[in-house]
Amino acid sequence: MVEVADTPELRATGLMFRKNLAADAGMLFLYPDRKKISMWMKNTLISLDMLFLDRDGTILHMAEHTTPHSTAVVSSRFRVKAVLEVVAGTADRLGLRIGDRAEHDLLPADQ
């Protein structure tokens, strides 16, 4: 179950100030166009795995076990369409790798 952040306001707030996140939950940040994304963990209380996704949900880059409250930039490294944030350790737990695909109705496979 993921929440969708598809407006500038929702993307700006993201998962800030949340004290916990269920193992099967997350937030999908959707952008109107593919572009390089820079994120940070300021005001984010829990460590996250960030999955940087192409239009069809293919994982192009991952930033695992991000540091809460950090203002260090976490870069997508590539032009992406979306970022999926999940609780830290999820990528390891699920065995996720670059090239795997996250599925969501808003990331159609036929793009």
PDB file of N, CA and C in Angstrom:
ATOM      1  N   MET A   1       0.848  -1.181   0.000  1.00  0.00           N
ATOM      2  CA  MET A   1       0.000   0.000   0.000  1.00  0.00           C
ATOM      3  C   MET A   1       0.890   1.239   0.000  1.00  0.00           C
ATOM      4  N   VAL A   2       0.784   2.026  -1.053  1.00  0.00           N
ATOM      5  CA  VAL A   2       1.575   3.258  -1.097  1.00  0.00           C
ATOM      6  C   VAL A   2       0.669   4.459  -1.271  1.00  0.00           C
ATOM      7  N   GLU A   3       1.074   5.534  -0.652  1.00  0.00           N
ATOM      8  CA  GLU A   3       0.422   6.821  -0.873  1.00  0.00           C
ATOM      9  C   GLU A   3       1.082   7.428  -2.102  1.00  0.00           C
ATOM     10  N   VAL A   4       0.335   8.233  -2.836  1.00  0.00           N
ATOM     11  CA  VAL A   4       0.869   8.867  -4.031  1.00  0.00           C
ATOM     12  C   VAL A   4       1.057  10.354  -3.768  1.00  0.00           C
ATOM     13  N   ALA A   5       2.264  10.827  -4.046  1.00  0.00           N
ATOM     14  CA  ALA A   5       2.578  12.251  -3.962  1.00  0.00           C
ATOM     15  C   ALA A   5       2.776  12.741  -5.389  1.00  0.00           C
ATOM     16  N   ASP A   6       1.730  13.337  -5.938  1.00  0.00           N
ATOM     17  CA  ASP A   6       1.776  13.733  -7.346  1.00  0.00           C
ATOM     18  C   ASP A   6       1.554  15.224  -7.571  1.00  0.00           C
ATOM     19  N   THR A   7       1.637  16.002  -6.493  1.00  0.00           N
ATOM     20  CA  THR A   7       1.569  17.459  -6.614  1.00  0.00           C
ATOM     21  C   THR A   7       2.821  18.034  -5.956  1.00  0.00           C
ATOM     22  N   PRO A   8       3.205  19.256  -6.324  1.00  0.00           N
ATOM     23  CA  PRO A   8       4.385  19.855  -5.691  1.00  0.00           C
ATOM     24  C   PRO A   8       4.268  19.905  -4.160  1.00  0.00           C
ATOM     25  N   GLU A   9       3.087  20.174  -3.664  1.00  0.00           N
ATOM     26  CA  GLU A   9       2.892  20.263  -2.210  1.00  0.00           C
ATOM     27  C   GLU A   9       3.087  18.903  -1.533  1.00  0.00           C
ATOM     28  N   LEU A  10       2.494  17.860  -2.103  1.00  0.00           N
ATOM     29  CA  LEU A  10       2.641  16.519  -1.527  1.00  0.00           C
ATOM     30  C   LEU A  10       4.082  16.027  -1.633  1.00  0.00           C
ATOM     31  N   ARG A  11       4.736  16.305  -2.754  1.00  0.00           N
ATOM     32  CA  ARG A  11       6.128  15.891  -2.923  1.00  0.00           C
ATOM     33  C   ARG A  11       7.040  16.634  -1.950  1.00  0.00           C
ATOM     34  N   ALA A  12       6.746  17.905  -1.669  1.00  0.00           N
ATOM     35  CA  ALA A  12       7.587  18.690  -0.757  1.00  0.00           C
ATOM     36  C   ALA A  12       7.520  18.157   0.672  1.00  0.00           C
ATOM     37  N   THR A  13       6.376  17.663   1.091  1.00  0.00           N
ATOM     38  CA  THR A  13       6.207  17.158   2.454  1.00  0.00           C
ATOM     39  C   THR A  13       6.611  15.701   2.555  1.00  0.00           C
ATOM     40  N   GLY A  14       6.244  14.896   1.588  1.00  0.00           N
ATOM     41  CA  GLY A  14       6.612  13.486   1.577  1.00  0.00           C
ATOM     42  C   GLY A  14       6.304  12.773   2.879  1.00  0.00           C
ATOM     43  N   LEU A  15       7.289  12.065   3.398  1.00  0.00           N
ATOM     44  CA  LEU A  15       7.116  11.303   4.642  1.00  0.00           C
ATOM     45  C   LEU A  15       7.694  12.034   5.853  1.00  0.00           C
ATOM     46  N   MET A  16       7.884  13.335   5.720  1.00  0.00           N
ATOM     47  CA  MET A  16       8.407  14.121   6.840  1.00  0.00           C
ATOM     48  C   MET A  16       7.512  13.990   8.068  1.00  0.00           C
ATOM     49  N   PHE A  17       8.149  13.990   9.226  1.00  0.00           N
ATOM     50  CA  PHE A  17       7.503  14.025  10.543  1.00  0.00           C
ATOM     51  C   PHE A  17       6.777  12.737  10.926  1.00  0.00           C
ATOM     52  N   ARG A  18       6.800  11.736  10.072  1.00  0.00           N
ATOM     53  CA  ARG A  18       6.149  10.468  10.419  1.00  0.00           C
ATOM     54  C   ARG A  18       7.055   9.696  11.375  1.00  0.00           C
ATOM     55  N   LYS A  19       6.450   9.109  12.393  1.00  0.00           N
ATOM     56  CA  LYS A  19       7.237   8.390  13.395  1.00  0.00           C
ATOM     57  C   LYS A  19       7.463   6.933  13.035  1.00  0.00           C
ATOM     58  N   ASN A  20       6.635   6.400  12.145  1.00  0.00           N
ATOM     59  CA  ASN A  20       6.832   5.015  11.712  1.00  0.00           C
ATOM     60  C   ASN A  20       6.195   4.821  10.344  1.00  0.00           C
ATOM     61  N   LEU A  21       6.576   3.707   9.741  1.00  0.00           N
ATOM     62  CA  LEU A  21       6.059   3.344   8.424  1.00  0.00           C
ATOM     63  C   LEU A  21       5.974   1.827   8.397  1.00  0.00           C
ATOM     64  N   ALA A  22       4.820   1.309   8.085  1.00  0.00           N
ATOM     65  CA  ALA A  22       4.624  -0.145   8.054  1.00  0.00           C
ATOM     66  C   ALA A  22       5.517  -0.787   6.997  1.00  0.00           C
ATOM     67  N   ALA A  23       5.847  -2.042   7.216  1.00  0.00           N
ATOM     68  CA  ALA A  23       6.722  -2.781   6.299  1.00  0.00           C
ATOM     69  C   ALA A  23       6.122  -2.916   4.901  1.00  0.00           C
ATOM     70  N   ASP A  24       4.801  -2.829   4.793  1.00  0.00           N
ATOM     71  CA  ASP A  24       4.146  -2.965   3.485  1.00  0.00           C
ATOM     72  C   ASP A  24       3.587  -1.637   2.981  1.00  0.00           C
ATOM     73  N   ALA A  25       4.143  -0.532   3.473  1.00  0.00           N
ATOM     74  CA  ALA A  25       3.657   0.796   3.093  1.00  0.00           C
ATOM     75  C   ALA A  25       4.795   1.594   2.464  1.00  0.00           C
ATOM     76  N   GLY A  26       4.433   2.709   1.866  1.00  0.00           N
ATOM     77  CA  GLY A  26       5.437   3.591   1.297  1.00  0.00           C
ATOM     78  C   GLY A  26       4.780   4.787   0.634  1.00  0.00           C
ATOM     79  N   MET A  27       5.596   5.575  -0.041  1.00  0.00           N
ATOM     80  CA  MET A  27       5.095   6.732  -0.768  1.00  0.00           C
ATOM     81  C   MET A  27       5.720   6.742  -2.149  1.00  0.00           C
ATOM     82  N   LEU A  28       4.870   6.906  -3.163  1.00  0.00           N
ATOM     83  CA  LEU A  28       5.298   6.981  -4.553  1.00  0.00           C
ATOM     84  C   LEU A  28       5.240   8.442  -4.989  1.00  0.00           C
ATOM     85  N   PHE A  29       6.408   9.015  -5.260  1.00  0.00           N
ATOM     86  CA  PHE A  29       6.507  10.386  -5.742  1.00  0.00           C
ATOM     87  C   PHE A  29       6.483  10.334  -7.263  1.00  0.00           C
ATOM     88  N   LEU A  30       5.470  10.944  -7.858  1.00  0.00           N
ATOM     89  CA  LEU A  30       5.335  10.967  -9.319  1.00  0.00           C
ATOM     90  C   LEU A  30       5.627  12.372  -9.838  1.00  0.00           C
ATOM     91  N   TYR A  31       6.357  12.432 -10.935  1.00  0.00           N
ATOM     92  CA  TYR A  31       6.728  13.706 -11.545  1.00  0.00           C
ATOM     93  C   TYR A  31       6.133  13.778 -12.948  1.00  0.00           C
ATOM     94  N   PRO A  32       5.787  14.984 -13.403  1.00  0.00           N
ATOM     95  CA  PRO A  32       5.153  15.115 -14.720  1.00  0.00           C
ATOM     96  C   PRO A  32       6.045  14.621 -15.864  1.00  0.00           C
ATOM     97  N   ASP A  33       7.353  14.823 -15.734  1.00  0.00           N
ATOM     98  CA  ASP A  33       8.297  14.431 -16.772  1.00  0.00           C
ATOM     99  C   ASP A  33       9.485  13.736 -16.128  1.00  0.00           C
ATOM    100  N   ARG A  34      10.218  12.987 -16.932  1.00  0.00           N
ATOM    101  CA  ARG A  34      11.449  12.365 -16.439  1.00  0.00           C
ATOM    102  C   ARG A  34      12.496  13.448 -16.225  1.00  0.00           C
ATOM    103  N   LYS A  35      13.157  13.409 -15.059  1.00  0.00           N
ATOM    104  CA  LYS A  35      14.217  14.371 -14.768  1.00  0.00           C
ATOM    105  C   LYS A  35      15.078  13.834 -13.626  1.00  0.00           C
ATOM    106  N   LYS A  36      16.252  14.427 -13.470  1.00  0.00           N
ATOM    107  CA  LYS A  36      17.089  14.071 -12.327  1.00  0.00           C
ATOM    108  C   LYS A  36      16.438  14.643 -11.077  1.00  0.00           C
ATOM    109  N   ILE A  37      16.360  13.817 -10.048  1.00  0.00           N
ATOM    110  CA  ILE A  37      15.701  14.191  -8.803  1.00  0.00           C
ATOM    111  C   ILE A  37      16.747  14.265  -7.701  1.00  0.00           C
ATOM    112  N   SER A  38      16.635  15.277  -6.870  1.00  0.00           N
ATOM    113  CA  SER A  38      17.453  15.394  -5.666  1.00  0.00           C
ATOM    114  C   SER A  38      16.511  15.430  -4.473  1.00  0.00           C
ATOM    115  N   MET A  39      16.793  14.577  -3.495  1.00  0.00           N
ATOM    116  CA  MET A  39      15.959  14.508  -2.294  1.00  0.00           C
ATOM    117  C   MET A  39      16.866  14.631  -1.080  1.00  0.00           C
ATOM    118  N   TRP A  40      16.244  14.842   0.078  1.00  0.00           N
ATOM    119  CA  TRP A  40      16.975  14.830   1.337  1.00  0.00           C
ATOM    120  C   TRP A  40      16.074  14.276   2.418  1.00  0.00           C
ATOM    121  N   MET A  41      16.636  14.122   3.594  1.00  0.00           N
ATOM    122  CA  MET A  41      15.912  13.498   4.704  1.00  0.00           C
ATOM    123  C   MET A  41      15.596  14.500   5.818  1.00  0.00           C
ATOM    124  N   LYS A  42      15.748  15.782   5.549  1.00  0.00           N
ATOM    125  CA  LYS A  42      15.456  16.791   6.560  1.00  0.00           C
ATOM    126  C   LYS A  42      14.022  16.602   7.062  1.00  0.00           C
ATOM    127  N   ASN A  43      13.868  16.609   8.362  1.00  0.00           N
ATOM    128  CA  ASN A  43      12.559  16.431   9.030  1.00  0.00           C
ATOM    129  C   ASN A  43      11.949  15.051   8.811  1.00  0.00           C
ATOM    130  N   THR A  44      12.723  14.122   8.286  1.00  0.00           N
ATOM    131  CA  THR A  44      12.248  12.744   8.138  1.00  0.00           C
ATOM    132  C   THR A  44      12.819  11.944   9.302  1.00  0.00           C
ATOM    133  N   LEU A  45      11.938  11.334  10.067  1.00  0.00           N
ATOM    134  CA  LEU A  45      12.316  10.714  11.335  1.00  0.00           C
ATOM    135  C   LEU A  45      12.753   9.263  11.212  1.00  0.00           C
ATOM    136  N   ILE A  46      12.448   8.628  10.095  1.00  0.00           N
ATOM    137  CA  ILE A  46      12.752   7.205   9.936  1.00  0.00           C
ATOM    138  C   ILE A  46      13.656   6.991   8.728  1.00  0.00           C
ATOM    139  N   SER A  47      14.507   5.997   8.813  1.00  0.00           N
ATOM    140  CA  SER A  47      15.379   5.653   7.693  1.00  0.00           C
ATOM    141  C   SER A  47      14.556   5.007   6.577  1.00  0.00           C
ATOM    142  N   LEU A  48      14.897   5.341   5.351  1.00  0.00           N
ATOM    143  CA  LEU A  48      14.141   4.872   4.189  1.00  0.00           C
ATOM    144  C   LEU A  48      15.060   4.243   3.158  1.00  0.00           C
ATOM    145  N   ASP A  49      14.489   3.407   2.310  1.00  0.00           N
ATOM    146  CA  ASP A  49      15.096   3.004   1.043  1.00  0.00           C
ATOM    147  C   ASP A  49      14.379   3.820  -0.029  1.00  0.00           C
ATOM    148  N   MET A  50      15.142   4.444  -0.917  1.00  0.00           N
ATOM    149  CA  MET A  50      14.573   5.207  -2.025  1.00  0.00           C
ATOM    150  C   MET A  50      14.868   4.459  -3.314  1.00  0.00           C
ATOM    151  N   LEU A  51      13.807   4.149  -4.041  1.00  0.00           N
ATOM    152  CA  LEU A  51      13.935   3.465  -5.332  1.00  0.00           C
ATOM    153  C   LEU A  51      13.595   4.468  -6.432  1.00  0.00           C
ATOM    154  N   PHE A  52      14.541   4.747  -7.280  1.00  0.00           N
ATOM    155  CA  PHE A  52      14.348   5.715  -8.355  1.00  0.00           C
ATOM    156  C   PHE A  52      13.913   4.955  -9.602  1.00  0.00           C
ATOM    157  N   LEU A  53      12.744   5.301 -10.124  1.00  0.00           N
ATOM    158  CA  LEU A  53      12.063   4.497 -11.137  1.00  0.00           C
ATOM    159  C   LEU A  53      11.915   5.201 -12.485  1.00  0.00           C
ATOM    160  N   ASP A  54      12.008   4.416 -13.551  1.00  0.00           N
ATOM    161  CA  ASP A  54      11.717   4.891 -14.895  1.00  0.00           C
ATOM    162  C   ASP A  54      10.198   4.913 -15.097  1.00  0.00           C
ATOM    163  N   ARG A  55       9.747   5.319 -16.265  1.00  0.00           N
ATOM    164  CA  ARG A  55       8.311   5.423 -16.570  1.00  0.00           C
ATOM    165  C   ARG A  55       7.535   4.144 -16.328  1.00  0.00           C
ATOM    166  N   ASP A  56       8.171   3.011 -16.609  1.00  0.00           N
ATOM    167  CA  ASP A  56       7.479   1.722 -16.484  1.00  0.00           C
ATOM    168  C   ASP A  56       7.718   1.055 -15.123  1.00  0.00           C
ATOM    169  N   GLY A  57       8.364   1.782 -14.193  1.00  0.00           N
ATOM    170  CA  GLY A  57       8.619   1.238 -12.868  1.00  0.00           C
ATOM    171  C   GLY A  57       9.952   0.532 -12.719  1.00  0.00           C
ATOM    172  N   THR A  58      10.748   0.482 -13.780  1.00  0.00           N
ATOM    173  CA  THR A  58      12.062  -0.157 -13.694  1.00  0.00           C
ATOM    174  C   THR A  58      12.948   0.625 -12.724  1.00  0.00           C
ATOM    175  N   ILE A  59      13.587  -0.095 -11.812  1.00  0.00           N
ATOM    176  CA  ILE A  59      14.480   0.535 -10.842  1.00  0.00           C
ATOM    177  C   ILE A  59      15.788   0.895 -11.541  1.00  0.00           C
ATOM    178  N   LEU A  60      16.083   2.204 -11.571  1.00  0.00           N
ATOM    179  CA  LEU A  60      17.303   2.692 -12.201  1.00  0.00           C
ATOM    180  C   LEU A  60      18.421   2.922 -11.188  1.00  0.00           C
ATOM    181  N   HIS A  61      18.035   3.231  -9.954  1.00  0.00           N
ATOM    182  CA  HIS A  61      19.006   3.509  -8.891  1.00  0.00           C
ATOM    183  C   HIS A  61      18.315   3.293  -7.550  1.00  0.00           C
ATOM    184  N   MET A  62      19.100   2.938  -6.535  1.00  0.00           N
ATOM    185  CA  MET A  62      18.552   2.784  -5.185  1.00  0.00           C
ATOM    186  C   MET A  62      19.471   3.486  -4.189  1.00  0.00           C
ATOM    187  N   ALA A  63      18.867   4.137  -3.217  1.00  0.00           N
ATOM    188  CA  ALA A  63      19.590   4.689  -2.071  1.00  0.00           C
ATOM    189  C   ALA A  63      18.988   3.992  -0.853  1.00  0.00           C
ATOM    190  N   GLU A  64      19.774   3.120  -0.246  1.00  0.00           N
ATOM    191  CA  GLU A  64      19.264   2.304   0.855  1.00  0.00           C
ATOM    192  C   GLU A  64      19.714   2.848   2.207  1.00  0.00           C
ATOM    193  N   HIS A  65      18.871   2.633   3.200  1.00  0.00           N
ATOM    194  CA  HIS A  65      19.171   3.005   4.591  1.00  0.00           C
ATOM    195  C   HIS A  65      19.596   4.475   4.698  1.00  0.00           C
ATOM    196  N   THR A  66      18.779   5.369   4.166  1.00  0.00           N
ATOM    197  CA  THR A  66      19.079   6.789   4.247  1.00  0.00           C
ATOM    198  C   THR A  66      19.093   7.241   5.709  1.00  0.00           C
ATOM    199  N   THR A  67      19.792   8.334   5.980  1.00  0.00           N
ATOM    200  CA  THR A  67      19.996   8.822   7.339  1.00  0.00           C
ATOM    201  C   THR A  67      18.923   9.838   7.723  1.00  0.00           C
ATOM    202  N   PRO A  68      18.130   9.530   8.761  1.00  0.00           N
ATOM    203  CA  PRO A  68      17.114  10.483   9.221  1.00  0.00           C
ATOM    204  C   PRO A  68      17.723  11.846   9.537  1.00  0.00           C
ATOM    205  N   HIS A  69      16.973  12.887   9.242  1.00  0.00           N
ATOM    206  CA  HIS A  69      17.317  14.292   9.514  1.00  0.00           C
ATOM    207  C   HIS A  69      18.460  14.832   8.653  1.00  0.00           C
ATOM    208  N   SER A  70      19.040  14.040   7.794  1.00  0.00           N
ATOM    209  CA  SER A  70      20.189  14.472   7.007  1.00  0.00           C
ATOM    210  C   SER A  70      19.775  15.481   5.928  1.00  0.00           C
ATOM    211  N   THR A  71      20.633  16.469   5.726  1.00  0.00           N
ATOM    212  CA  THR A  71      20.411  17.414   4.626  1.00  0.00           C
ATOM    213  C   THR A  71      21.308  17.076   3.428  1.00  0.00           C
ATOM    214  N   ALA A  72      22.009  15.946   3.514  1.00  0.00           N
ATOM    215  CA  ALA A  72      22.813  15.502   2.370  1.00  0.00           C
ATOM    216  C   ALA A  72      21.885  15.167   1.200  1.00  0.00           C
ATOM    217  N   VAL A  73      22.301  15.539   0.024  1.00  0.00           N
ATOM    218  CA  VAL A  73      21.493  15.302  -1.175  1.00  0.00           C
ATOM    219  C   VAL A  73      21.565  13.825  -1.559  1.00  0.00           C
ATOM    220  N   VAL A  74      20.395  13.258  -1.827  1.00  0.00           N
ATOM    221  CA  VAL A  74      20.288  11.899  -2.364  1.00  0.00           C
ATOM    222  C   VAL A  74      19.827  12.071  -3.811  1.00  0.00           C
ATOM    223  N   SER A  75      20.691  11.721  -4.735  1.00  0.00           N
ATOM    224  CA  SER A  75      20.426  11.956  -6.157  1.00  0.00           C
ATOM    225  C   SER A  75      19.909  10.706  -6.853  1.00  0.00           C
ATOM    226  N   SER A  76      19.036  10.934  -7.812  1.00  0.00           N
ATOM    227  CA  SER A  76      18.540   9.828  -8.637  1.00  0.00           C
ATOM    228  C   SER A  76      19.620   9.330  -9.596  1.00  0.00           C
ATOM    229  N   ARG A  77      20.617  10.145  -9.856  1.00  0.00           N
ATOM    230  CA  ARG A  77      21.725   9.878 -10.792  1.00  0.00           C
ATOM    231  C   ARG A  77      21.289   9.820 -12.249  1.00  0.00           C
ATOM    232  N   PHE A  78      20.046   9.503 -12.500  1.00  0.00           N
ATOM    233  CA  PHE A  78      19.504   9.388 -13.852  1.00  0.00           C
ATOM    234  C   PHE A  78      18.202  10.181 -13.918  1.00  0.00           C
ATOM    235  N   ARG A  79      17.723  10.408 -15.134  1.00  0.00           N
ATOM    236  CA  ARG A  79      16.391  10.997 -15.284  1.00  0.00           C
ATOM    237  C   ARG A  79      15.374   9.920 -14.939  1.00  0.00           C
ATOM    238  N   VAL A  80      14.477  10.230 -14.005  1.00  0.00           N
ATOM    239  CA  VAL A  80      13.479   9.268 -13.548  1.00  0.00           C
ATOM    240  C   VAL A  80      12.088   9.880 -13.616  1.00  0.00           C
ATOM    241  N   LYS A  81      11.104   9.024 -13.557  1.00  0.00           N
ATOM    242  CA  LYS A  81       9.699   9.447 -13.561  1.00  0.00           C
ATOM    243  C   LYS A  81       9.119   9.440 -12.153  1.00  0.00           C
ATOM    244  N   ALA A  82       9.693   8.588 -11.273  1.00  0.00           N
ATOM    245  CA  ALA A  82       9.103   8.419  -9.949  1.00  0.00           C
ATOM    246  C   ALA A  82      10.156   7.973  -8.943  1.00  0.00           C
ATOM    247  N   VAL A  83       9.827   8.179  -7.682  1.00  0.00           N
ATOM    248  CA  VAL A  83      10.644   7.683  -6.576  1.00  0.00           C
ATOM    249  C   VAL A  83       9.702   6.964  -5.624  1.00  0.00           C
ATOM    250  N   LEU A  84      10.070   5.749  -5.259  1.00  0.00           N
ATOM    251  CA  LEU A  84       9.300   4.985  -4.278  1.00  0.00           C
ATOM    252  C   LEU A  84      10.097   4.942  -2.985  1.00  0.00           C
ATOM    253  N   GLU A  85       9.528   5.497  -1.923  1.00  0.00           N
ATOM    254  CA  GLU A  85      10.159   5.460  -0.612  1.00  0.00           C
ATOM    255  C   GLU A  85       9.466   4.409   0.239  1.00  0.00           C
ATOM    256  N   VAL A  86      10.284   3.524   0.806  1.00  0.00           N
ATOM    257  CA  VAL A  86       9.796   2.460   1.672  1.00  0.00           C
ATOM    258  C   VAL A  86      10.710   2.411   2.900  1.00  0.00           C
ATOM    259  N   VAL A  87      10.269   1.715   3.931  1.00  0.00           N
ATOM    260  CA  VAL A  87      11.067   1.631   5.152  1.00  0.00           C
ATOM    261  C   VAL A  87      12.427   0.992   4.845  1.00  0.00           C
ATOM    262  N   ALA A  88      13.467   1.501   5.511  1.00  0.00           N
ATOM    263  CA  ALA A  88      14.825   0.995   5.296  1.00  0.00           C
ATOM    264  C   ALA A  88      14.875  -0.511   5.507  1.00  0.00           C
ATOM    265  N   GLY A  89      15.595  -1.178   4.621  1.00  0.00           N
ATOM    266  CA  GLY A  89      15.740  -2.621   4.685  1.00  0.00           C
ATOM    267  C   GLY A  89      14.802  -3.370   3.764  1.00  0.00           C
ATOM    268  N   THR A  90      13.826  -2.669   3.206  1.00  0.00           N
ATOM    269  CA  THR A  90      12.851  -3.315   2.320  1.00  0.00           C
ATOM    270  C   THR A  90      13.519  -3.854   1.057  1.00  0.00           C
ATOM    271  N   ALA A  91      14.436  -3.082   0.482  1.00  0.00           N
ATOM    272  CA  ALA A  91      15.111  -3.544  -0.743  1.00  0.00           C
ATOM    273  C   ALA A  91      15.865  -4.846  -0.476  1.00  0.00           C
ATOM    274  N   ASP A  92      16.582  -4.916   0.648  1.00  0.00           N
ATOM    275  CA  ASP A  92      17.289  -6.156   1.004  1.00  0.00           C
ATOM    276  C   ASP A  92      16.298  -7.280   1.280  1.00  0.00           C
ATOM    277  N   ARG A  93      15.277  -6.982   2.056  1.00  0.00           N
ATOM    278  CA  ARG A  93      14.301  -8.009   2.445  1.00  0.00           C
ATOM    279  C   ARG A  93      13.635  -8.640   1.236  1.00  0.00           C
ATOM    280  N   LEU A  94      13.357  -7.821   0.215  1.00  0.00           N
ATOM    281  CA  LEU A  94      12.687  -8.313  -0.988  1.00  0.00           C
ATOM    282  C   LEU A  94      13.670  -8.737  -2.079  1.00  0.00           C
ATOM    283  N   GLY A  95      14.955  -8.529  -1.840  1.00  0.00           N
ATOM    284  CA  GLY A  95      15.960  -8.895  -2.841  1.00  0.00           C
ATOM    285  C   GLY A  95      15.913  -8.025  -4.078  1.00  0.00           C
ATOM    286  N   LEU A  96      15.554  -6.761  -3.926  1.00  0.00           N
ATOM    287  CA  LEU A  96      15.428  -5.862  -5.073  1.00  0.00           C
ATOM    288  C   LEU A  96      16.793  -5.492  -5.630  1.00  0.00           C
ATOM    289  N   ARG A  97      16.852  -5.372  -6.949  1.00  0.00           N
ATOM    290  CA  ARG A  97      18.082  -5.029  -7.654  1.00  0.00           C
ATOM    291  C   ARG A  97      17.765  -4.023  -8.766  1.00  0.00           C
ATOM    292  N   ILE A  98      18.804  -3.327  -9.214  1.00  0.00           N
ATOM    293  CA  ILE A  98      18.663  -2.438 -10.366  1.00  0.00           C
ATOM    294  C   ILE A  98      18.144  -3.285 -11.530  1.00  0.00           C
ATOM    295  N   GLY A  99      17.149  -2.762 -12.239  1.00  0.00           N
ATOM    296  CA  GLY A  99      16.556  -3.489 -13.366  1.00  0.00           C
ATOM    297  C   GLY A  99      15.262  -4.194 -13.004  1.00  0.00           C
ATOM    298  N   ASP A 100      15.032  -4.432 -11.693  1.00  0.00           N
ATOM    299  CA  ASP A 100      13.737  -4.976 -11.277  1.00  0.00           C
ATOM    300  C   ASP A 100      12.671  -3.921 -11.532  1.00  0.00           C
ATOM    301  N   ARG A 101      11.422  -4.331 -11.466  1.00  0.00           N
ATOM    302  CA  ARG A 101      10.334  -3.414 -11.788  1.00  0.00           C
ATOM    303  C   ARG A 101       9.320  -3.347 -10.666  1.00  0.00           C
ATOM    304  N   ALA A 102       9.005  -2.123 -10.245  1.00  0.00           N
ATOM    305  CA  ALA A 102       7.921  -1.883  -9.295  1.00  0.00           C
ATOM    306  C   ALA A 102       6.640  -1.714 -10.102  1.00  0.00           C
ATOM    307  N   GLU A 103       5.571  -2.335  -9.652  1.00  0.00           N
ATOM    308  CA  GLU A 103       4.312  -2.243 -10.384  1.00  0.00           C
ATOM    309  C   GLU A 103       3.325  -1.336  -9.649  1.00  0.00           C
ATOM    310  N   HIS A 104       2.701  -0.464 -10.410  1.00  0.00           N
ATOM    311  CA  HIS A 104       1.660   0.430  -9.906  1.00  0.00           C
ATOM    312  C   HIS A 104       0.849   0.886 -11.112  1.00  0.00           C
ATOM    313  N   ASP A 105      -0.436   1.094 -10.928  1.00  0.00           N
ATOM    314  CA  ASP A 105      -1.302   1.526 -12.038  1.00  0.00           C
ATOM    315  C   ASP A 105      -0.808   2.807 -12.688  1.00  0.00           C
ATOM    316  N   LEU A 106      -0.114   3.663 -11.934  1.00  0.00           N
ATOM    317  CA  LEU A 106       0.360   4.918 -12.468  1.00  0.00           C
ATOM    318  C   LEU A 106       1.732   4.807 -13.159  1.00  0.00           C
ATOM    319  N   LEU A 107       2.262   3.577 -13.183  1.00  0.00           N
ATOM    320  CA  LEU A 107       3.518   3.295 -13.885  1.00  0.00           C
ATOM    321  C   LEU A 107       3.293   2.149 -14.862  1.00  0.00           C
ATOM    322  N   PRO A 108       2.553   2.392 -15.924  1.00  0.00           N
ATOM    323  CA  PRO A 108       2.204   1.319 -16.853  1.00  0.00           C
ATOM    324  C   PRO A 108       3.413   0.705 -17.552  1.00  0.00           C
ATOM    325  N   ALA A 109       3.381  -0.598 -17.696  1.00  0.00           N
ATOM    326  CA  ALA A 109       4.485  -1.353 -18.297  1.00  0.00           C
ATOM    327  C   ALA A 109       4.644  -1.079 -19.784  1.00  0.00           C
ATOM    328  N   ASP A 110       3.597  -0.593 -20.438  1.00  0.00           N
ATOM    329  CA  ASP A 110       3.648  -0.436 -21.900  1.00  0.00           C
ATOM    330  C   ASP A 110       4.124   0.941 -22.344  1.00  0.00           C
ATOM    331  N   GLN A 111       4.851   1.640 -21.475  1.00  0.00           N
ATOM    332  CA  GLN A 111       5.334   2.977 -21.873  1.00  0.00           C
ATOM    333  C   GLN A 111       6.659   2.914 -22.505  1.00  0.00           C
TER     334      GLN A 111
END
